[in-house]
Amino acid sequence: MTSLRDQFLAELRETVDEWHAGDIDFAAFTASRDATWHAIRAAGTAVEVAVLQALRDQLPTGKPGVPTHLRLVIRVEAPAGAPTIRTQERKDDCNG
């Protein structure tokens, strides 16, 4: 599962890099991203959860020095009986 997770993360990163470099247009970016997510979901819930967790772990959420209004929460909803990621909602005030 780890190799699949890493493969999908590399595909997503490559698509973003190609977009930022101007190598692909928005339509190609969207098609590539959608194809990758379709493949992630087809690989099964455990792989999807692993990819989402890896992406969430890359976010600055909760790291020292990150203003609370920039912190993100990702929720994963999976079919009954599948592994889940649980998060706690934050009710931070963006104005201070």
PDB file of N, CA and C in Angstrom:
ATOM      1  N   MET A   1       0.813  -1.189   0.000  1.00  0.00           N
ATOM      2  CA  MET A   1       0.000   0.000   0.000  1.00  0.00           C
ATOM      3  C   MET A   1       0.860   1.258   0.000  1.00  0.00           C
ATOM      4  N   THR A   2       1.992   1.228   0.716  1.00  0.00           N
ATOM      5  CA  THR A   2       2.858   2.400   0.771  1.00  0.00           C
ATOM      6  C   THR A   2       3.368   2.771  -0.614  1.00  0.00           C
ATOM      7  N   SER A   3       3.729   1.769  -1.421  1.00  0.00           N
ATOM      8  CA  SER A   3       4.235   2.080  -2.757  1.00  0.00           C
ATOM      9  C   SER A   3       3.133   2.695  -3.619  1.00  0.00           C
ATOM     10  N   LEU A   4       1.895   2.220  -3.486  1.00  0.00           N
ATOM     11  CA  LEU A   4       0.782   2.836  -4.211  1.00  0.00           C
ATOM     12  C   LEU A   4       0.574   4.264  -3.743  1.00  0.00           C
ATOM     13  N   ARG A   5       0.587   4.454  -2.430  1.00  0.00           N
ATOM     14  CA  ARG A   5       0.436   5.810  -1.885  1.00  0.00           C
ATOM     15  C   ARG A   5       1.500   6.731  -2.453  1.00  0.00           C
ATOM     16  N   ASP A   6       2.742   6.283  -2.426  1.00  0.00           N
ATOM     17  CA  ASP A   6       3.842   7.110  -2.926  1.00  0.00           C
ATOM     18  C   ASP A   6       3.726   7.367  -4.419  1.00  0.00           C
ATOM     19  N   GLN A   7       3.271   6.374  -5.169  1.00  0.00           N
ATOM     20  CA  GLN A   7       3.077   6.536  -6.610  1.00  0.00           C
ATOM     21  C   GLN A   7       2.024   7.611  -6.876  1.00  0.00           C
ATOM     22  N   PHE A   8       0.902   7.536  -6.165  1.00  0.00           N
ATOM     23  CA  PHE A   8      -0.166   8.513  -6.374  1.00  0.00           C
ATOM     24  C   PHE A   8       0.257   9.903  -5.929  1.00  0.00           C
ATOM     25  N   LEU A   9       0.973  10.000  -4.827  1.00  0.00           N
ATOM     26  CA  LEU A   9       1.461  11.300  -4.378  1.00  0.00           C
ATOM     27  C   LEU A   9       2.413  11.904  -5.406  1.00  0.00           C
ATOM     28  N   ALA A  10       3.262  11.077  -5.997  1.00  0.00           N
ATOM     29  CA  ALA A  10       4.189  11.556  -7.033  1.00  0.00           C
ATOM     30  C   ALA A  10       3.421  12.037  -8.264  1.00  0.00           C
ATOM     31  N   GLU A  11       2.368  11.318  -8.645  1.00  0.00           N
ATOM     32  CA  GLU A  11       1.565  11.740  -9.795  1.00  0.00           C
ATOM     33  C   GLU A  11       0.894  13.085  -9.528  1.00  0.00           C
ATOM     34  N   LEU A  12       0.330  13.256  -8.336  1.00  0.00           N
ATOM     35  CA  LEU A  12      -0.305  14.530  -7.996  1.00  0.00           C
ATOM     36  C   LEU A  12       0.715  15.664  -7.984  1.00  0.00           C
ATOM     37  N   ARG A  13       1.877  15.403  -7.396  1.00  0.00           N
ATOM     38  CA  ARG A  13       2.936  16.422  -7.325  1.00  0.00           C
ATOM     39  C   ARG A  13       3.425  16.788  -8.728  1.00  0.00           C
ATOM     40  N   GLU A  14       3.587  15.787  -9.587  1.00  0.00           N
ATOM     41  CA  GLU A  14       4.043  16.025 -10.957  1.00  0.00           C
ATOM     42  C   GLU A  14       3.048  16.901 -11.721  1.00  0.00           C
ATOM     43  N   THR A  15       1.767  16.624 -11.545  1.00  0.00           N
ATOM     44  CA  THR A  15       0.744  17.421 -12.220  1.00  0.00           C
ATOM     45  C   THR A  15       0.810  18.878 -11.767  1.00  0.00           C
ATOM     46  N   VAL A  16       0.946  19.091 -10.467  1.00  0.00           N
ATOM     47  CA  VAL A  16       1.051  20.459  -9.944  1.00  0.00           C
ATOM     48  C   VAL A  16       2.314  21.136 -10.470  1.00  0.00           C
ATOM     49  N   ASP A  17       3.434  20.411 -10.478  1.00  0.00           N
ATOM     50  CA  ASP A  17       4.688  20.973 -10.988  1.00  0.00           C
ATOM     51  C   ASP A  17       4.576  21.352 -12.465  1.00  0.00           C
ATOM     52  N   GLU A  18       3.932  20.491 -13.258  1.00  0.00           N
ATOM     53  CA  GLU A  18       3.749  20.788 -14.683  1.00  0.00           C
ATOM     54  C   GLU A  18       2.880  22.030 -14.876  1.00  0.00           C
ATOM     55  N   TRP A  19       1.857  22.173 -14.051  1.00  0.00           N
ATOM     56  CA  TRP A  19       0.977  23.345 -14.126  1.00  0.00           C
ATOM     57  C   TRP A  19       1.761  24.617 -13.781  1.00  0.00           C
ATOM     58  N   HIS A  20       2.510  24.572 -12.695  1.00  0.00           N
ATOM     59  CA  HIS A  20       3.277  25.749 -12.272  1.00  0.00           C
ATOM     60  C   HIS A  20       4.357  26.115 -13.278  1.00  0.00           C
ATOM     61  N   ALA A  21       4.921  25.132 -13.960  1.00  0.00           N
ATOM     62  CA  ALA A  21       5.966  25.386 -14.962  1.00  0.00           C
ATOM     63  C   ALA A  21       5.373  25.868 -16.281  1.00  0.00           C
ATOM     64  N   GLY A  22       4.042  25.791 -16.417  1.00  0.00           N
ATOM     65  CA  GLY A  22       3.403  26.209 -17.660  1.00  0.00           C
ATOM     66  C   GLY A  22       3.468  25.147 -18.749  1.00  0.00           C
ATOM     67  N   ASP A  23       3.799  23.918 -18.356  1.00  0.00           N
ATOM     68  CA  ASP A  23       3.909  22.826 -19.327  1.00  0.00           C
ATOM     69  C   ASP A  23       2.552  22.287 -19.756  1.00  0.00           C
ATOM     70  N   ILE A  24       1.519  22.494 -18.920  1.00  0.00           N
ATOM     71  CA  ILE A  24       0.176  22.034 -19.252  1.00  0.00           C
ATOM     72  C   ILE A  24      -0.815  23.163 -18.975  1.00  0.00           C
ATOM     73  N   ASP A  25      -1.937  23.132 -19.684  1.00  0.00           N
ATOM     74  CA  ASP A  25      -2.971  24.127 -19.436  1.00  0.00           C
ATOM     75  C   ASP A  25      -3.933  23.605 -18.367  1.00  0.00           C
ATOM     76  N   PHE A  26      -4.924  24.439 -18.034  1.00  0.00           N
ATOM     77  CA  PHE A  26      -5.826  24.070 -16.952  1.00  0.00           C
ATOM     78  C   PHE A  26      -6.636  22.819 -17.273  1.00  0.00           C
ATOM     79  N   ALA A  27      -7.039  22.676 -18.526  1.00  0.00           N
ATOM     80  CA  ALA A  27      -7.810  21.484 -18.915  1.00  0.00           C
ATOM     81  C   ALA A  27      -6.985  20.213 -18.717  1.00  0.00           C
ATOM     82  N   ALA A  28      -5.721  20.248 -19.099  1.00  0.00           N
ATOM     83  CA  ALA A  28      -4.846  19.080 -18.923  1.00  0.00           C
ATOM     84  C   ALA A  28      -4.576  18.830 -17.440  1.00  0.00           C
ATOM     85  N   PHE A  29      -4.396  19.918 -16.677  1.00  0.00           N
ATOM     86  CA  PHE A  29      -4.190  19.795 -15.233  1.00  0.00           C
ATOM     87  C   PHE A  29      -5.389  19.094 -14.597  1.00  0.00           C
ATOM     88  N   THR A  30      -6.586  19.562 -14.927  1.00  0.00           N
ATOM     89  CA  THR A  30      -7.802  19.002 -14.354  1.00  0.00           C
ATOM     90  C   THR A  30      -7.987  17.541 -14.756  1.00  0.00           C
ATOM     91  N   ALA A  31      -7.747  17.235 -16.017  1.00  0.00           N
ATOM     92  CA  ALA A  31      -7.899  15.857 -16.489  1.00  0.00           C
ATOM     93  C   ALA A  31      -6.920  14.924 -15.786  1.00  0.00           C
ATOM     94  N   SER A  32      -5.679  15.363 -15.629  1.00  0.00           N
ATOM     95  CA  SER A  32      -4.672  14.536 -14.964  1.00  0.00           C
ATOM     96  C   SER A  32      -5.011  14.339 -13.494  1.00  0.00           C
ATOM     97  N   ARG A  33      -5.386  15.428 -12.837  1.00  0.00           N
ATOM     98  CA  ARG A  33      -5.750  15.345 -11.418  1.00  0.00           C
ATOM     99  C   ARG A  33      -6.944  14.414 -11.220  1.00  0.00           C
ATOM    100  N   ASP A  34      -7.969  14.576 -12.067  1.00  0.00           N
ATOM    101  CA  ASP A  34      -9.157  13.731 -11.948  1.00  0.00           C
ATOM    102  C   ASP A  34      -8.838  12.262 -12.200  1.00  0.00           C
ATOM    103  N   ALA A  35      -7.991  11.991 -13.183  1.00  0.00           N
ATOM    104  CA  ALA A  35      -7.606  10.607 -13.484  1.00  0.00           C
ATOM    105  C   ALA A  35      -6.854   9.994 -12.307  1.00  0.00           C
ATOM    106  N   THR A  36      -5.983  10.769 -11.691  1.00  0.00           N
ATOM    107  CA  THR A  36      -5.235  10.264 -10.542  1.00  0.00           C
ATOM    108  C   THR A  36      -6.169   9.967  -9.381  1.00  0.00           C
ATOM    109  N   TRP A  37      -7.098  10.870  -9.090  1.00  0.00           N
ATOM    110  CA  TRP A  37      -8.030  10.624  -7.987  1.00  0.00           C
ATOM    111  C   TRP A  37      -8.959   9.458  -8.287  1.00  0.00           C
ATOM    112  N   HIS A  38      -9.336   9.280  -9.527  1.00  0.00           N
ATOM    113  CA  HIS A  38     -10.156   8.121  -9.894  1.00  0.00           C
ATOM    114  C   HIS A  38      -9.366   6.831  -9.612  1.00  0.00           C
ATOM    115  N   ALA A  39      -8.090   6.820  -9.983  1.00  0.00           N
ATOM    116  CA  ALA A  39      -7.238   5.648  -9.745  1.00  0.00           C
ATOM    117  C   ALA A  39      -7.033   5.414  -8.242  1.00  0.00           C
ATOM    118  N   ILE A  40      -6.893   6.504  -7.478  1.00  0.00           N
ATOM    119  CA  ILE A  40      -6.735   6.378  -6.023  1.00  0.00           C
ATOM    120  C   ILE A  40      -7.969   5.706  -5.429  1.00  0.00           C
ATOM    121  N   ARG A  41      -9.134   6.178  -5.807  1.00  0.00           N
ATOM    122  CA  ARG A  41     -10.381   5.603  -5.280  1.00  0.00           C
ATOM    123  C   ARG A  41     -10.565   4.162  -5.741  1.00  0.00           C
ATOM    124  N   ALA A  42     -10.174   3.873  -6.973  1.00  0.00           N
ATOM    125  CA  ALA A  42     -10.301   2.502  -7.490  1.00  0.00           C
ATOM    126  C   ALA A  42      -9.355   1.542  -6.766  1.00  0.00           C
ATOM    127  N   ALA A  43      -8.273   2.069  -6.198  1.00  0.00           N
ATOM    128  CA  ALA A  43      -7.304   1.233  -5.483  1.00  0.00           C
ATOM    129  C   ALA A  43      -7.826   0.791  -4.119  1.00  0.00           C
ATOM    130  N   GLY A  44      -8.902   1.402  -3.655  1.00  0.00           N
ATOM    131  CA  GLY A  44      -9.502   0.983  -2.395  1.00  0.00           C
ATOM    132  C   GLY A  44      -9.436   2.049  -1.319  1.00  0.00           C
ATOM    133  N   THR A  45     -10.288   1.867  -0.339  1.00  0.00           N
ATOM    134  CA  THR A  45     -10.422   2.853   0.733  1.00  0.00           C
ATOM    135  C   THR A  45      -9.131   3.025   1.520  1.00  0.00           C
ATOM    136  N   ALA A  46      -8.441   1.941   1.792  1.00  0.00           N
ATOM    137  CA  ALA A  46      -7.206   2.032   2.585  1.00  0.00           C
ATOM    138  C   ALA A  46      -6.163   2.882   1.872  1.00  0.00           C
ATOM    139  N   VAL A  47      -6.048   2.725   0.559  1.00  0.00           N
ATOM    140  CA  VAL A  47      -5.087   3.529  -0.213  1.00  0.00           C
ATOM    141  C   VAL A  47      -5.531   4.987  -0.222  1.00  0.00           C
ATOM    142  N   GLU A  48      -6.826   5.224  -0.430  1.00  0.00           N
ATOM    143  CA  GLU A  48      -7.336   6.601  -0.442  1.00  0.00           C
ATOM    144  C   GLU A  48      -7.073   7.289   0.895  1.00  0.00           C
ATOM    145  N   VAL A  49      -7.338   6.586   1.983  1.00  0.00           N
ATOM    146  CA  VAL A  49      -7.092   7.154   3.307  1.00  0.00           C
ATOM    147  C   VAL A  49      -5.602   7.434   3.499  1.00  0.00           C
ATOM    148  N   ALA A  50      -4.743   6.528   3.041  1.00  0.00           N
ATOM    149  CA  ALA A  50      -3.288   6.726   3.171  1.00  0.00           C
ATOM    150  C   ALA A  50      -2.829   7.951   2.381  1.00  0.00           C
ATOM    151  N   VAL A  51      -3.359   8.137   1.176  1.00  0.00           N
ATOM    152  CA  VAL A  51      -3.004   9.306   0.357  1.00  0.00           C
ATOM    153  C   VAL A  51      -3.486  10.583   1.043  1.00  0.00           C
ATOM    154  N   LEU A  52      -4.738  10.593   1.491  1.00  0.00           N
ATOM    155  CA  LEU A  52      -5.275  11.779   2.161  1.00  0.00           C
ATOM    156  C   LEU A  52      -4.504  12.105   3.430  1.00  0.00           C
ATOM    157  N   GLN A  53      -4.139  11.083   4.199  1.00  0.00           N
ATOM    158  CA  GLN A  53      -3.367  11.321   5.419  1.00  0.00           C
ATOM    159  C   GLN A  53      -1.994  11.896   5.085  1.00  0.00           C
ATOM    160  N   ALA A  54      -1.355  11.361   4.048  1.00  0.00           N
ATOM    161  CA  ALA A  54      -0.036  11.874   3.653  1.00  0.00           C
ATOM    162  C   ALA A  54      -0.137  13.329   3.201  1.00  0.00           C
ATOM    163  N   LEU A  55      -1.182  13.654   2.445  1.00  0.00           N
ATOM    164  CA  LEU A  55      -1.377  15.042   2.022  1.00  0.00           C
ATOM    165  C   LEU A  55      -1.630  15.945   3.225  1.00  0.00           C
ATOM    166  N   ARG A  56      -2.451  15.460   4.158  1.00  0.00           N
ATOM    167  CA  ARG A  56      -2.741  16.265   5.342  1.00  0.00           C
ATOM    168  C   ARG A  56      -1.482  16.490   6.172  1.00  0.00           C
ATOM    169  N   ASP A  57      -0.634  15.470   6.258  1.00  0.00           N
ATOM    170  CA  ASP A  57       0.600  15.580   7.030  1.00  0.00           C
ATOM    171  C   ASP A  57       1.559  16.615   6.448  1.00  0.00           C
ATOM    172  N   GLN A  58       1.384  16.959   5.178  1.00  0.00           N
ATOM    173  CA  GLN A  58       2.237  17.954   4.537  1.00  0.00           C
ATOM    174  C   GLN A  58       1.762  19.386   4.784  1.00  0.00           C
ATOM    175  N   LEU A  59       0.541  19.538   5.302  1.00  0.00           N
ATOM    176  CA  LEU A  59      -0.003  20.865   5.566  1.00  0.00           C
ATOM    177  C   LEU A  59       0.641  21.479   6.797  1.00  0.00           C
ATOM    178  N   PRO A  60       0.658  22.806   6.878  1.00  0.00           N
ATOM    179  CA  PRO A  60       1.247  23.465   8.046  1.00  0.00           C
ATOM    180  C   PRO A  60       0.357  23.429   9.281  1.00  0.00           C
ATOM    181  N   THR A  61      -0.787  22.793   9.203  1.00  0.00           N
ATOM    182  CA  THR A  61      -1.750  22.771  10.303  1.00  0.00           C
ATOM    183  C   THR A  61      -1.101  22.361  11.612  1.00  0.00           C
ATOM    184  N   GLY A  62      -1.293  23.178  12.598  1.00  0.00           N
ATOM    185  CA  GLY A  62      -0.829  22.829  13.936  1.00  0.00           C
ATOM    186  C   GLY A  62       0.650  23.047  14.176  1.00  0.00           C
ATOM    187  N   LYS A  63       1.389  23.455  13.172  1.00  0.00           N
ATOM    188  CA  LYS A  63       2.812  23.688  13.364  1.00  0.00           C
ATOM    189  C   LYS A  63       3.011  25.054  14.033  1.00  0.00           C
ATOM    190  N   PRO A  64       3.991  25.172  14.907  1.00  0.00           N
ATOM    191  CA  PRO A  64       4.234  26.444  15.578  1.00  0.00           C
ATOM    192  C   PRO A  64       4.450  27.564  14.563  1.00  0.00           C
ATOM    193  N   GLY A  65       3.921  28.718  14.878  1.00  0.00           N
ATOM    194  CA  GLY A  65       4.117  29.886  14.036  1.00  0.00           C
ATOM    195  C   GLY A  65       3.100  30.042  12.914  1.00  0.00           C
ATOM    196  N   VAL A  66       2.217  29.081  12.745  1.00  0.00           N
ATOM    197  CA  VAL A  66       1.191  29.194  11.705  1.00  0.00           C
ATOM    198  C   VAL A  66      -0.040  29.828  12.339  1.00  0.00           C
ATOM    199  N   PRO A  67      -0.479  30.992  11.824  1.00  0.00           N
ATOM    200  CA  PRO A  67      -1.664  31.636  12.391  1.00  0.00           C
ATOM    201  C   PRO A  67      -2.866  30.698  12.355  1.00  0.00           C
ATOM    202  N   THR A  68      -3.681  30.752  13.378  1.00  0.00           N
ATOM    203  CA  THR A  68      -4.799  29.823  13.484  1.00  0.00           C
ATOM    204  C   THR A  68      -5.769  29.935  12.328  1.00  0.00           C
ATOM    205  N   HIS A  69      -5.916  31.112  11.728  1.00  0.00           N
ATOM    206  CA  HIS A  69      -6.866  31.245  10.621  1.00  0.00           C
ATOM    207  C   HIS A  69      -6.364  30.575   9.347  1.00  0.00           C
ATOM    208  N   LEU A  70      -5.094  30.164   9.316  1.00  0.00           N
ATOM    209  CA  LEU A  70      -4.554  29.462   8.161  1.00  0.00           C
ATOM    210  C   LEU A  70      -4.546  27.949   8.354  1.00  0.00           C
ATOM    211  N   ARG A  71      -4.922  27.475   9.516  1.00  0.00           N
ATOM    212  CA  ARG A  71      -4.909  26.045   9.782  1.00  0.00           C
ATOM    213  C   ARG A  71      -6.107  25.382   9.120  1.00  0.00           C
ATOM    214  N   LEU A  72      -5.882  24.219   8.560  1.00  0.00           N
ATOM    215  CA  LEU A  72      -6.904  23.503   7.813  1.00  0.00           C
ATOM    216  C   LEU A  72      -7.265  22.196   8.488  1.00  0.00           C
ATOM    217  N   VAL A  73      -8.479  21.761   8.246  1.00  0.00           N
ATOM    218  CA  VAL A  73      -8.920  20.448   8.721  1.00  0.00           C
ATOM    219  C   VAL A  73      -9.449  19.696   7.512  1.00  0.00           C
ATOM    220  N   ILE A  74      -8.946  18.486   7.293  1.00  0.00           N
ATOM    221  CA  ILE A  74      -9.438  17.635   6.212  1.00  0.00           C
ATOM    222  C   ILE A  74     -10.255  16.526   6.846  1.00  0.00           C
ATOM    223  N   ARG A  75     -11.445  16.317   6.326  1.00  0.00           N
ATOM    224  CA  ARG A  75     -12.295  15.238   6.810  1.00  0.00           C
ATOM    225  C   ARG A  75     -12.361  14.161   5.746  1.00  0.00           C
ATOM    226  N   VAL A  76     -12.269  12.943   6.169  1.00  0.00           N
ATOM    227  CA  VAL A  76     -12.383  11.811   5.255  1.00  0.00           C
ATOM    228  C   VAL A  76     -13.619  11.036   5.659  1.00  0.00           C
ATOM    229  N   GLU A  77     -14.497  10.825   4.695  1.00  0.00           N
ATOM    230  CA  GLU A  77     -15.669  10.010   4.952  1.00  0.00           C
ATOM    231  C   GLU A  77     -15.520   8.740   4.138  1.00  0.00           C
ATOM    232  N   ALA A  78     -15.602   7.614   4.796  1.00  0.00           N
ATOM    233  CA  ALA A  78     -15.413   6.328   4.133  1.00  0.00           C
ATOM    234  C   ALA A  78     -16.635   5.452   4.394  1.00  0.00           C
ATOM    235  N   PRO A  79     -16.788   4.420   3.578  1.00  0.00           N
ATOM    236  CA  PRO A  79     -17.900   3.493   3.805  1.00  0.00           C
ATOM    237  C   PRO A  79     -17.809   2.848   5.182  1.00  0.00           C
ATOM    238  N   ALA A  80     -18.949   2.396   5.685  1.00  0.00           N
ATOM    239  CA  ALA A  80     -18.988   1.743   6.997  1.00  0.00           C
ATOM    240  C   ALA A  80     -17.998   0.593   7.039  1.00  0.00           C
ATOM    241  N   GLY A  81     -17.267   0.506   8.115  1.00  0.00           N
ATOM    242  CA  GLY A  81     -16.314  -0.577   8.301  1.00  0.00           C
ATOM    243  C   GLY A  81     -14.933  -0.283   7.740  1.00  0.00           C
ATOM    244  N   ALA A  82     -14.799   0.805   6.989  1.00  0.00           N
ATOM    245  CA  ALA A  82     -13.494   1.152   6.410  1.00  0.00           C
ATOM    246  C   ALA A  82     -12.697   1.973   7.421  1.00  0.00           C
ATOM    247  N   PRO A  83     -11.363   1.989   7.260  1.00  0.00           N
ATOM    248  CA  PRO A  83     -10.554   2.818   8.158  1.00  0.00           C
ATOM    249  C   PRO A  83     -10.934   4.281   7.969  1.00  0.00           C
ATOM    250  N   THR A  84     -10.917   5.040   9.031  1.00  0.00           N
ATOM    251  CA  THR A  84     -11.266   6.455   8.936  1.00  0.00           C
ATOM    252  C   THR A  84     -10.200   7.314   9.594  1.00  0.00           C
ATOM    253  N   ILE A  85     -10.186   8.557   9.195  1.00  0.00           N
ATOM    254  CA  ILE A  85      -9.320   9.559   9.819  1.00  0.00           C
ATOM    255  C   ILE A  85     -10.241  10.479  10.597  1.00  0.00           C
ATOM    256  N   ARG A  86      -9.975  10.648  11.850  1.00  0.00           N
ATOM    257  CA  ARG A  86     -10.819  11.518  12.657  1.00  0.00           C
ATOM    258  C   ARG A  86     -10.066  12.817  12.947  1.00  0.00           C
ATOM    259  N   THR A  87     -10.765  13.915  12.794  1.00  0.00           N
ATOM    260  CA  THR A  87     -10.186  15.215  13.095  1.00  0.00           C
ATOM    261  C   THR A  87     -11.139  15.964  13.998  1.00  0.00           C
ATOM    262  N   GLN A  88     -10.626  16.983  14.618  1.00  0.00           N
ATOM    263  CA  GLN A  88     -11.462  17.812  15.469  1.00  0.00           C
ATOM    264  C   GLN A  88     -11.650  19.142  14.774  1.00  0.00           C
ATOM    265  N   GLU A  89     -12.900  19.579  14.654  1.00  0.00           N
ATOM    266  CA  GLU A  89     -13.166  20.862  14.010  1.00  0.00           C
ATOM    267  C   GLU A  89     -12.630  21.982  14.868  1.00  0.00           C
ATOM    268  N   ARG A  90     -12.110  22.986  14.184  1.00  0.00           N
ATOM    269  CA  ARG A  90     -11.615  24.168  14.879  1.00  0.00           C
ATOM    270  C   ARG A  90     -12.599  25.286  14.634  1.00  0.00           C
ATOM    271  N   LYS A  91     -12.827  26.090  15.617  1.00  0.00           N
ATOM    272  CA  LYS A  91     -13.724  27.238  15.507  1.00  0.00           C
ATOM    273  C   LYS A  91     -12.915  28.497  15.801  1.00  0.00           C
ATOM    274  N   ASP A  92     -11.790  28.638  15.071  1.00  0.00           N
ATOM    275  CA  ASP A  92     -10.906  29.771  15.297  1.00  0.00           C
ATOM    276  C   ASP A  92     -11.527  31.050  14.750  1.00  0.00           C
ATOM    277  N   ASP A  93     -11.256  32.134  15.424  1.00  0.00           N
ATOM    278  CA  ASP A  93     -11.693  33.452  14.960  1.00  0.00           C
ATOM    279  C   ASP A  93     -10.645  33.987  13.998  1.00  0.00           C
ATOM    280  N   CYS A  94     -11.036  34.217  12.763  1.00  0.00           N
ATOM    281  CA  CYS A  94     -10.090  34.683  11.737  1.00  0.00           C
ATOM    282  C   CYS A  94      -9.655  36.110  11.944  1.00  0.00           C
ATOM    283  N   ASN A  95     -10.309  36.835  12.828  1.00  0.00           N
ATOM    284  CA  ASN A  95      -9.985  38.250  13.011  1.00  0.00           C
ATOM    285  C   ASN A  95      -9.097  38.497  14.213  1.00  0.00           C
ATOM    286  N   GLY A  96      -8.537  37.495  14.738  1.00  0.00           N
ATOM    287  CA  GLY A  96      -7.672  37.815  15.844  1.00  0.00           C
ATOM    288  C   GLY A  96      -7.464  36.720  16.752  1.00  0.00           C
TER     289      GLY A  96
END
